[in-house]
Amino acid sequence: MKSDEIEETRAFWNRVADDWDTQVGDEGDSNRFLNSDPVLWEFAGEVKDLTVLDAGCGTGYLSRKLHERGAKVIGTDFSRRMIQVAQSKAPSMDFRIDSCNELKTVADSSIDMIISNYVLMDTPDLEGTMKAFSRVLKPGGIAIVIFSHPCFPQGRATSFGNEENIDYHWTFPYFQQEKCIDPAWGHFTSEFIWFHRPLSDYWKAFKTAGFDVTDFEEPRITEKRYRLAENKRQLRNSRTRPYSVAFKLRKIKKSS
């Protein structure tokens, strides 16, 4: 079943790749720019001269940011159209069509750091993806994974009263793994496919694949960045809504 779901999900991202590029642009969408990217860069630290895998790179905005900071970047995505757009924006960079749950084009123990930015909730094969991440990382290597908060799905949120009061509506048990199809939003015309798992399932997948969790955050805008919000609504949402979770993982070194 997972292979069928992977192909269905790949076809979806091929359809929406150009819309996605409009959504994230060169700086990331507002959630990334205001909330999660600062956490990502704090977790990553100095990346100069590191070999960094941008796993699920999409149209490459983060790959380009990493390259600007001096990293040796490999960007992979299973969507051919995503990679075509990424290559058109940065022809000299190393972009590859490759699925996160396989990483066939990436050698064992060849990567210093993996960054997977809003990808894990979109893969049908979480366990296979984490095993692939562990395989390609050097012992002691770092993986930074940021994904939509599984406890608070924003596509199922309803605000009321002063709009700081929010209800999240579940149509299935939270602890049940579920393939979800959400309505199109913004300028997108296609329904969105994603895969719900409880937070504990992510944690178990990390541990099973041989990772230690070294840091964790629920990104939100910091006071010194309030001025970057475009309007009061964007600021309010960035202050009050738990859009995502961020984990910093370290591949456990096997004792000799």
C-alpha atoms as a PDB file:
ATOM      1  CA  MET A   1       0.000   0.000   0.000  1.00  0.00           C
ATOM      2  CA  LYS A   2       2.831   2.427   0.806  1.00  0.00           C
ATOM      3  CA  SER A   3       4.190   2.206  -2.748  1.00  0.00           C
ATOM      4  CA  ASP A   4       0.756   3.169  -4.110  1.00  0.00           C
ATOM      5  CA  GLU A   5       0.537   6.047  -1.626  1.00  0.00           C
ATOM      6  CA  ILE A   6       4.036   7.223  -2.533  1.00  0.00           C
ATOM      7  CA  GLU A   7       3.153   7.337  -6.238  1.00  0.00           C
ATOM      8  CA  GLU A   8      -0.125   9.139  -5.493  1.00  0.00           C
ATOM      9  CA  THR A   9       1.720  11.666  -3.336  1.00  0.00           C
ATOM     10  CA  ARG A  10       4.452  12.110  -5.951  1.00  0.00           C
ATOM     11  CA  ALA A  11       1.820  12.842  -8.614  1.00  0.00           C
ATOM     12  CA  PHE A  12       0.215  15.410  -6.302  1.00  0.00           C
ATOM     13  CA  TRP A  13       3.478  17.295  -5.729  1.00  0.00           C
ATOM     14  CA  ASN A  14       4.254  17.233  -9.456  1.00  0.00           C
ATOM     15  CA  ARG A  15       0.875  18.898 -10.059  1.00  0.00           C
ATOM     16  CA  VAL A  16       1.370  21.650  -7.492  1.00  0.00           C
ATOM     17  CA  ALA A  17       5.123  22.267  -7.847  1.00  0.00           C
ATOM     18  CA  ASP A  18       4.770  25.621  -9.613  1.00  0.00           C
ATOM     19  CA  ASP A  19       2.128  26.809  -7.155  1.00  0.00           C
ATOM     20  CA  TRP A  20       4.413  25.672  -4.343  1.00  0.00           C
ATOM     21  CA  ASP A  21       7.272  27.730  -5.731  1.00  0.00           C
ATOM     22  CA  THR A  22       4.982  30.767  -5.664  1.00  0.00           C
ATOM     23  CA  GLN A  23       4.048  29.921  -2.072  1.00  0.00           C
ATOM     24  CA  VAL A  24       7.585  29.627  -0.657  1.00  0.00           C
ATOM     25  CA  GLY A  25       9.476  31.868  -3.107  1.00  0.00           C
ATOM     26  CA  ASP A  26      13.089  32.645  -2.233  1.00  0.00           C
ATOM     27  CA  GLU A  27      12.587  33.347   1.490  1.00  0.00           C
ATOM     28  CA  GLY A  28      10.012  30.764   2.553  1.00  0.00           C
ATOM     29  CA  ASP A  29       6.371  31.425   3.379  1.00  0.00           C
ATOM     30  CA  SER A  30       5.412  33.523   6.403  1.00  0.00           C
ATOM     31  CA  ASN A  31       5.403  30.563   8.821  1.00  0.00           C
ATOM     32  CA  ARG A  32       8.912  29.541   7.810  1.00  0.00           C
ATOM     33  CA  PHE A  33      10.266  33.094   7.687  1.00  0.00           C
ATOM     34  CA  LEU A  34       8.727  34.272  10.967  1.00  0.00           C
ATOM     35  CA  ASN A  35       8.609  31.122  13.063  1.00  0.00           C
ATOM     36  CA  SER A  36      10.513  28.004  12.106  1.00  0.00           C
ATOM     37  CA  ASP A  37      13.510  29.145  10.045  1.00  0.00           C
ATOM     38  CA  PRO A  38      15.125  30.949  13.009  1.00  0.00           C
ATOM     39  CA  VAL A  39      14.898  27.685  14.981  1.00  0.00           C
ATOM     40  CA  LEU A  40      16.269  25.747  12.005  1.00  0.00           C
ATOM     41  CA  TRP A  41      19.346  27.983  11.772  1.00  0.00           C
ATOM     42  CA  GLU A  42      19.872  27.896  15.530  1.00  0.00           C
ATOM     43  CA  PHE A  43      19.827  24.088  15.474  1.00  0.00           C
ATOM     44  CA  ALA A  44      22.092  23.934  12.396  1.00  0.00           C
ATOM     45  CA  GLY A  45      24.739  26.373  13.611  1.00  0.00           C
ATOM     46  CA  GLU A  46      27.769  26.873  11.335  1.00  0.00           C
ATOM     47  CA  VAL A  47      27.285  24.914   8.105  1.00  0.00           C
ATOM     48  CA  LYS A  48      30.281  26.204   6.130  1.00  0.00           C
ATOM     49  CA  ASP A  49      32.117  23.324   4.411  1.00  0.00           C
ATOM     50  CA  LEU A  50      29.655  20.727   5.723  1.00  0.00           C
ATOM     51  CA  THR A  51      28.020  18.306   3.304  1.00  0.00           C
ATOM     52  CA  VAL A  52      24.327  18.996   3.905  1.00  0.00           C
ATOM     53  CA  LEU A  53      21.427  17.015   2.473  1.00  0.00           C
ATOM     54  CA  ASP A  54      18.239  19.034   1.969  1.00  0.00           C
ATOM     55  CA  ALA A  55      15.907  16.035   2.017  1.00  0.00           C
ATOM     56  CA  GLY A  56      12.611  16.902   0.348  1.00  0.00           C
ATOM     57  CA  CYS A  57      14.043  20.140  -1.017  1.00  0.00           C
ATOM     58  CA  GLY A  58      11.010  21.099  -3.097  1.00  0.00           C
ATOM     59  CA  THR A  59      11.879  24.019  -5.359  1.00  0.00           C
ATOM     60  CA  GLY A  60      15.086  24.655  -3.452  1.00  0.00           C
ATOM     61  CA  TYR A  61      14.743  27.841  -1.413  1.00  0.00           C
ATOM     62  CA  LEU A  62      16.452  26.280   1.617  1.00  0.00           C
ATOM     63  CA  SER A  63      19.118  24.590  -0.515  1.00  0.00           C
ATOM     64  CA  ARG A  64      20.043  27.996  -1.909  1.00  0.00           C
ATOM     65  CA  LYS A  65      20.183  29.483   1.605  1.00  0.00           C
ATOM     66  CA  LEU A  66      22.494  26.683   2.727  1.00  0.00           C
ATOM     67  CA  HIS A  67      24.697  27.207  -0.317  1.00  0.00           C
ATOM     68  CA  GLU A  68      24.950  30.922   0.461  1.00  0.00           C
ATOM     69  CA  ARG A  69      26.209  29.992   3.941  1.00  0.00           C
ATOM     70  CA  GLY A  70      28.995  27.875   2.471  1.00  0.00           C
ATOM     71  CA  ALA A  71      27.553  24.372   2.762  1.00  0.00           C
ATOM     72  CA  LYS A  72      28.148  21.682   0.154  1.00  0.00           C
ATOM     73  CA  VAL A  73      24.497  21.022  -0.623  1.00  0.00           C
ATOM     74  CA  ILE A  74      22.700  18.047  -2.110  1.00  0.00           C
ATOM     75  CA  GLY A  75      18.996  18.665  -2.666  1.00  0.00           C
ATOM     76  CA  THR A  76      16.696  15.686  -3.199  1.00  0.00           C
ATOM     77  CA  ASP A  77      12.992  15.460  -3.924  1.00  0.00           C
ATOM     78  CA  PHE A  78      10.856  12.688  -5.356  1.00  0.00           C
ATOM     79  CA  SER A  79       8.923  15.172  -7.532  1.00  0.00           C
ATOM     80  CA  ARG A  80      10.514  15.592 -10.952  1.00  0.00           C
ATOM     81  CA  ARG A  81       8.813  18.962 -11.442  1.00  0.00           C
ATOM     82  CA  MET A  82      10.080  20.262  -8.088  1.00  0.00           C
ATOM     83  CA  ILE A  83      13.636  19.373  -9.104  1.00  0.00           C
ATOM     84  CA  GLN A  84      13.178  20.968 -12.526  1.00  0.00           C
ATOM     85  CA  VAL A  85      12.161  24.251 -10.888  1.00  0.00           C
ATOM     86  CA  ALA A  86      14.999  24.026  -8.360  1.00  0.00           C
ATOM     87  CA  GLN A  87      17.559  23.429 -11.118  1.00  0.00           C
ATOM     88  CA  SER A  88      16.204  26.331 -13.168  1.00  0.00           C
ATOM     89  CA  LYS A  89      16.853  28.671 -10.238  1.00  0.00           C
ATOM     90  CA  ALA A  90      20.332  27.333  -9.397  1.00  0.00           C
ATOM     91  CA  PRO A  91      21.745  25.367 -12.379  1.00  0.00           C
ATOM     92  CA  SER A  92      25.152  24.823 -10.783  1.00  0.00           C
ATOM     93  CA  MET A  93      23.793  23.173  -7.625  1.00  0.00           C
ATOM     94  CA  ASP A  94      23.426  19.430  -7.045  1.00  0.00           C
ATOM     95  CA  PHE A  95      19.712  18.582  -7.228  1.00  0.00           C
ATOM     96  CA  ARG A  96      18.569  14.973  -7.588  1.00  0.00           C
ATOM     97  CA  ILE A  97      15.272  13.164  -8.118  1.00  0.00           C
ATOM     98  CA  ASP A  98      15.242  10.789  -5.164  1.00  0.00           C
ATOM     99  CA  SER A  99      12.698   9.710  -2.565  1.00  0.00           C
ATOM    100  CA  CYS A 100      13.403  10.360   1.110  1.00  0.00           C
ATOM    101  CA  ASN A 101      12.538   6.786   2.046  1.00  0.00           C
ATOM    102  CA  GLU A 102      15.237   5.451  -0.304  1.00  0.00           C
ATOM    103  CA  LEU A 103      17.929   8.091  -1.040  1.00  0.00           C
ATOM    104  CA  LYS A 104      19.347   5.765  -3.715  1.00  0.00           C
ATOM    105  CA  THR A 105      21.625   8.503  -5.101  1.00  0.00           C
ATOM    106  CA  VAL A 106      23.279   9.218  -1.724  1.00  0.00           C
ATOM    107  CA  ALA A 107      26.140   7.059  -0.450  1.00  0.00           C
ATOM    108  CA  ASP A 108      26.265   5.508   3.000  1.00  0.00           C
ATOM    109  CA  SER A 109      27.847   7.641   5.747  1.00  0.00           C
ATOM    110  CA  SER A 110      28.540  10.508   3.341  1.00  0.00           C
ATOM    111  CA  ILE A 111      26.479  13.344   4.878  1.00  0.00           C
ATOM    112  CA  ASP A 112      27.391  15.616   7.798  1.00  0.00           C
ATOM    113  CA  MET A 113      23.901  17.067   8.285  1.00  0.00           C
ATOM    114  CA  ILE A 114      20.395  16.408   7.017  1.00  0.00           C
ATOM    115  CA  ILE A 115      17.719  19.076   7.055  1.00  0.00           C
ATOM    116  CA  SER A 116      14.189  17.932   6.303  1.00  0.00           C
ATOM    117  CA  ASN A 117      11.933  20.964   6.353  1.00  0.00           C
ATOM    118  CA  TYR A 118       8.171  20.250   6.457  1.00  0.00           C
ATOM    119  CA  VAL A 119       8.517  16.839   4.815  1.00  0.00           C
ATOM    120  CA  LEU A 120       7.864  14.043   7.318  1.00  0.00           C
ATOM    121  CA  MET A 121       4.113  14.659   7.524  1.00  0.00           C
ATOM    122  CA  ASP A 122       3.973  14.293   3.719  1.00  0.00           C
ATOM    123  CA  THR A 123       5.720  10.921   3.414  1.00  0.00           C
ATOM    124  CA  PRO A 124       3.702   7.702   3.632  1.00  0.00           C
ATOM    125  CA  ASP A 125       6.822   5.858   4.858  1.00  0.00           C
ATOM    126  CA  LEU A 126       8.118   7.551   7.996  1.00  0.00           C
ATOM    127  CA  GLU A 127      10.081   4.534   9.233  1.00  0.00           C
ATOM    128  CA  GLY A 128      11.790   3.984   5.861  1.00  0.00           C
ATOM    129  CA  THR A 129      12.653   7.663   5.648  1.00  0.00           C
ATOM    130  CA  MET A 130      14.305   7.742   9.058  1.00  0.00           C
ATOM    131  CA  LYS A 131      16.274   4.567   8.262  1.00  0.00           C
ATOM    132  CA  ALA A 132      17.484   6.164   5.014  1.00  0.00           C
ATOM    133  CA  PHE A 133      18.495   9.311   6.916  1.00  0.00           C
ATOM    134  CA  SER A 134      20.485   7.193   9.367  1.00  0.00           C
ATOM    135  CA  ARG A 135      22.169   5.237   6.582  1.00  0.00           C
ATOM    136  CA  VAL A 136      23.506   8.269   4.709  1.00  0.00           C
ATOM    137  CA  LEU A 137      24.598  10.240   7.799  1.00  0.00           C
ATOM    138  CA  LYS A 138      28.100   9.911   9.171  1.00  0.00           C
ATOM    139  CA  PRO A 139      28.293   8.538  12.733  1.00  0.00           C
ATOM    140  CA  GLY A 140      27.507  11.429  15.055  1.00  0.00           C
ATOM    141  CA  GLY A 141      25.899  13.342  12.185  1.00  0.00           C
ATOM    142  CA  ILE A 142      22.977  15.684  12.760  1.00  0.00           C
ATOM    143  CA  ALA A 143      19.439  15.562  11.373  1.00  0.00           C
ATOM    144  CA  ILE A 144      17.135  18.547  11.768  1.00  0.00           C
ATOM    145  CA  VAL A 145      13.513  17.689  11.071  1.00  0.00           C
ATOM    146  CA  ILE A 146      10.704  20.234  11.128  1.00  0.00           C
ATOM    147  CA  PHE A 147       7.153  19.223  10.373  1.00  0.00           C
ATOM    148  CA  SER A 148       3.598  20.379  10.894  1.00  0.00           C
ATOM    149  CA  HIS A 149       2.484  20.010  14.507  1.00  0.00           C
ATOM    150  CA  PRO A 150       0.550  16.725  14.631  1.00  0.00           C
ATOM    151  CA  CYS A 151      -1.402  17.781  17.704  1.00  0.00           C
ATOM    152  CA  PHE A 152      -2.787  20.956  16.150  1.00  0.00           C
ATOM    153  CA  PRO A 153      -3.612  20.587  12.423  1.00  0.00           C
ATOM    154  CA  GLN A 154      -4.063  24.134  11.150  1.00  0.00           C
ATOM    155  CA  GLY A 155      -6.274  23.008   8.283  1.00  0.00           C
ATOM    156  CA  ARG A 156      -8.771  21.856  10.918  1.00  0.00           C
ATOM    157  CA  ALA A 157      -8.639  24.962  13.098  1.00  0.00           C
ATOM    158  CA  THR A 158     -11.570  27.305  13.703  1.00  0.00           C
ATOM    159  CA  SER A 159     -11.094  30.619  15.489  1.00  0.00           C
ATOM    160  CA  PHE A 160     -13.889  32.386  17.345  1.00  0.00           C
ATOM    161  CA  GLY A 161     -14.482  35.312  19.654  1.00  0.00           C
ATOM    162  CA  ASN A 162     -11.352  37.468  19.634  1.00  0.00           C
ATOM    163  CA  GLU A 163      -9.668  34.991  17.227  1.00  0.00           C
ATOM    164  CA  GLU A 164      -7.130  33.985  19.855  1.00  0.00           C
ATOM    165  CA  ASN A 165      -9.586  31.256  20.855  1.00  0.00           C
ATOM    166  CA  ILE A 166      -9.105  28.286  18.518  1.00  0.00           C
ATOM    167  CA  ASP A 167     -10.837  24.932  18.186  1.00  0.00           C
ATOM    168  CA  TYR A 168      -9.156  21.976  16.468  1.00  0.00           C
ATOM    169  CA  HIS A 169     -11.607  19.461  15.041  1.00  0.00           C
ATOM    170  CA  TRP A 170     -10.737  15.776  14.688  1.00  0.00           C
ATOM    171  CA  THR A 171     -12.759  13.415  12.504  1.00  0.00           C
ATOM    172  CA  PHE A 172     -10.738  10.395  13.648  1.00  0.00           C
ATOM    173  CA  PRO A 173      -8.906   9.400  16.868  1.00  0.00           C
ATOM    174  CA  TYR A 174      -5.697  11.362  17.437  1.00  0.00           C
ATOM    175  CA  PHE A 175      -3.685   8.172  18.087  1.00  0.00           C
ATOM    176  CA  GLN A 176      -4.763   6.627  14.774  1.00  0.00           C
ATOM    177  CA  GLN A 177      -2.451   6.891  11.771  1.00  0.00           C
ATOM    178  CA  GLU A 178      -4.497   8.412   8.970  1.00  0.00           C
ATOM    179  CA  LYS A 179      -4.042   9.510   5.379  1.00  0.00           C
ATOM    180  CA  CYS A 180      -5.688  12.945   5.195  1.00  0.00           C
ATOM    181  CA  ILE A 181      -6.963  14.933   2.248  1.00  0.00           C
ATOM    182  CA  ASP A 182      -7.569  18.600   2.992  1.00  0.00           C
ATOM    183  CA  PRO A 183      -9.307  21.146   0.750  1.00  0.00           C
ATOM    184  CA  ALA A 184      -7.255  23.385  -1.507  1.00  0.00           C
ATOM    185  CA  TRP A 185      -6.214  26.654   0.156  1.00  0.00           C
ATOM    186  CA  GLY A 186      -4.858  30.011  -0.936  1.00  0.00           C
ATOM    187  CA  HIS A 187      -3.982  30.017  -4.626  1.00  0.00           C
ATOM    188  CA  PHE A 188      -3.794  26.209  -4.825  1.00  0.00           C
ATOM    189  CA  THR A 189      -6.419  24.408  -6.883  1.00  0.00           C
ATOM    190  CA  SER A 190      -5.638  20.833  -5.780  1.00  0.00           C
ATOM    191  CA  GLU A 191      -6.550  19.090  -2.550  1.00  0.00           C
ATOM    192  CA  PHE A 192      -3.628  18.424  -0.198  1.00  0.00           C
ATOM    193  CA  ILE A 193      -2.490  14.931   0.794  1.00  0.00           C
ATOM    194  CA  TRP A 194      -0.704  14.418   4.102  1.00  0.00           C
ATOM    195  CA  PHE A 195      -0.300  11.693   6.705  1.00  0.00           C
ATOM    196  CA  HIS A 196      -1.268  12.111  10.335  1.00  0.00           C
ATOM    197  CA  ARG A 197       0.658  10.300  13.074  1.00  0.00           C
ATOM    198  CA  PRO A 198       0.688  11.020  16.797  1.00  0.00           C
ATOM    199  CA  LEU A 199       3.808  12.741  18.064  1.00  0.00           C
ATOM    200  CA  SER A 200       4.916   9.588  19.896  1.00  0.00           C
ATOM    201  CA  ASP A 201       5.109   7.695  16.573  1.00  0.00           C
ATOM    202  CA  TYR A 202       7.670  10.201  15.286  1.00  0.00           C
ATOM    203  CA  TRP A 203       9.706   9.842  18.460  1.00  0.00           C
ATOM    204  CA  LYS A 204       9.666   6.035  18.171  1.00  0.00           C
ATOM    205  CA  ALA A 205      10.724   6.198  14.508  1.00  0.00           C
ATOM    206  CA  PHE A 206      13.673   8.424  15.445  1.00  0.00           C
ATOM    207  CA  LYS A 207      14.819   6.063  18.195  1.00  0.00           C
ATOM    208  CA  THR A 208      14.340   2.911  16.097  1.00  0.00           C
ATOM    209  CA  ALA A 209      16.469   4.395  13.296  1.00  0.00           C
ATOM    210  CA  GLY A 210      19.329   5.013  15.718  1.00  0.00           C
ATOM    211  CA  PHE A 211      18.919   8.668  16.670  1.00  0.00           C
ATOM    212  CA  ASP A 212      19.144  10.493  19.959  1.00  0.00           C
ATOM    213  CA  VAL A 213      16.957  13.576  20.389  1.00  0.00           C
ATOM    214  CA  THR A 214      19.275  16.422  21.423  1.00  0.00           C
ATOM    215  CA  ASP A 215      16.894  19.377  21.128  1.00  0.00           C
ATOM    216  CA  PHE A 216      13.220  20.139  20.563  1.00  0.00           C
ATOM    217  CA  GLU A 217      11.165  23.266  19.960  1.00  0.00           C
ATOM    218  CA  GLU A 218       7.663  24.354  18.998  1.00  0.00           C
ATOM    219  CA  PRO A 219       8.608  27.346  16.827  1.00  0.00           C
ATOM    220  CA  ARG A 220       6.874  30.669  17.347  1.00  0.00           C
ATOM    221  CA  ILE A 221       7.796  34.239  16.573  1.00  0.00           C
ATOM    222  CA  THR A 222      10.172  35.886  19.042  1.00  0.00           C
ATOM    223  CA  GLU A 223       9.595  39.426  20.272  1.00  0.00           C
ATOM    224  CA  LYS A 224      12.558  40.864  18.384  1.00  0.00           C
ATOM    225  CA  ARG A 225      10.972  39.636  15.123  1.00  0.00           C
ATOM    226  CA  TYR A 226       7.471  41.073  15.741  1.00  0.00           C
ATOM    227  CA  ARG A 227       8.293  43.966  13.391  1.00  0.00           C
ATOM    228  CA  LEU A 228       8.695  41.515  10.496  1.00  0.00           C
ATOM    229  CA  ALA A 229       5.031  40.477  10.561  1.00  0.00           C
ATOM    230  CA  GLU A 230       3.084  42.053   7.717  1.00  0.00           C
ATOM    231  CA  ASN A 231      -0.066  42.735   9.742  1.00  0.00           C
ATOM    232  CA  LYS A 232      -1.695  42.232  13.141  1.00  0.00           C
ATOM    233  CA  ARG A 233      -3.361  38.974  12.115  1.00  0.00           C
ATOM    234  CA  GLN A 234      -0.071  37.438  10.987  1.00  0.00           C
ATOM    235  CA  LEU A 235       1.601  38.546  14.208  1.00  0.00           C
ATOM    236  CA  ARG A 236      -1.239  37.190  16.351  1.00  0.00           C
ATOM    237  CA  ASN A 237      -1.200  33.812  14.604  1.00  0.00           C
ATOM    238  CA  SER A 238       2.586  33.541  14.825  1.00  0.00           C
ATOM    239  CA  ARG A 239       2.417  34.290  18.554  1.00  0.00           C
ATOM    240  CA  THR A 240      -0.468  31.970  19.413  1.00  0.00           C
ATOM    241  CA  ARG A 241      -0.716  29.089  16.924  1.00  0.00           C
ATOM    242  CA  PRO A 242       1.536  26.015  17.235  1.00  0.00           C
ATOM    243  CA  TYR A 243       2.203  25.501  13.544  1.00  0.00           C
ATOM    244  CA  SER A 244       5.108  23.061  13.787  1.00  0.00           C
ATOM    245  CA  VAL A 245       7.593  21.038  15.815  1.00  0.00           C
ATOM    246  CA  ALA A 246      11.372  20.999  15.357  1.00  0.00           C
ATOM    247  CA  PHE A 247      13.700  18.188  16.413  1.00  0.00           C
ATOM    248  CA  LYS A 248      17.483  18.107  16.416  1.00  0.00           C
ATOM    249  CA  LEU A 249      18.665  14.505  16.193  1.00  0.00           C
ATOM    250  CA  ARG A 250      22.111  12.953  16.409  1.00  0.00           C
ATOM    251  CA  LYS A 251      23.014   9.613  14.835  1.00  0.00           C
ATOM    252  CA  ILE A 252      24.297   7.381  17.609  1.00  0.00           C
ATOM    253  CA  LYS A 253      27.891   6.290  17.191  1.00  0.00           C
ATOM    254  CA  LYS A 254      28.233   2.536  17.544  1.00  0.00           C
ATOM    255  CA  SER A 255      30.786   1.506  20.136  1.00  0.00           C
ATOM    256  CA  SER A 256      33.755  -0.382  18.723  1.00  0.00           C
END
